[in-house]
């Protein structure tokens, strides 16, 4: 028999992971797609809109990833403790290993982000900061930087980076989704 917190903890981790999966998916499918839809938006505006998307995701997604993963780890620990009476892993129950796997996938989004997505984000945010400092808008349409025209290909490069970020973010969505599916399979 499972400990009394087993199902509530499992449901909490599944719920947090489902919210995280939806948030991650919507960042690419809705937010970045909306930023890229108009073909003639100035680079400074593309980058400014991306910064808003980035900050929203930055404040919402990592806490959900850590929460859902840690709750799975806690549940695995409590399940093993409840069944064996100790914390020595002599033999794991049928739910301990899947809980550890689910938690690892739920938190796996963080190292994936640090390794693959942060380099792209750094380029985009650095470009945004430089343009924000030097941008002088005359009637909202001047795209000059220090009196010179915006470099050719700069907006195209920004669009390419935004598309790359969106694709990587779709891949990032898979981690909490797999964790959710593994945790869900334990529920029944």
Foldseek 3Di string as FASTA:
>chain_A
DFDPCQVVLLVLLLVLLVVLLVLLLCLLPPQLCVLVVDPDDFLLSSLVSVVVSVVVCVVRRQVSLQSSLVSLQVRLQRRQCVVPVDRDPPDGDPSNVLSNQLSCLSNVLVVLCVVPPVVLVVVSNVVNVQQVVQPDADVNPQSDGPPHHDDPCPSVVNNVSSNVNSVSSNVSSVSSVVSSVSSVVVND
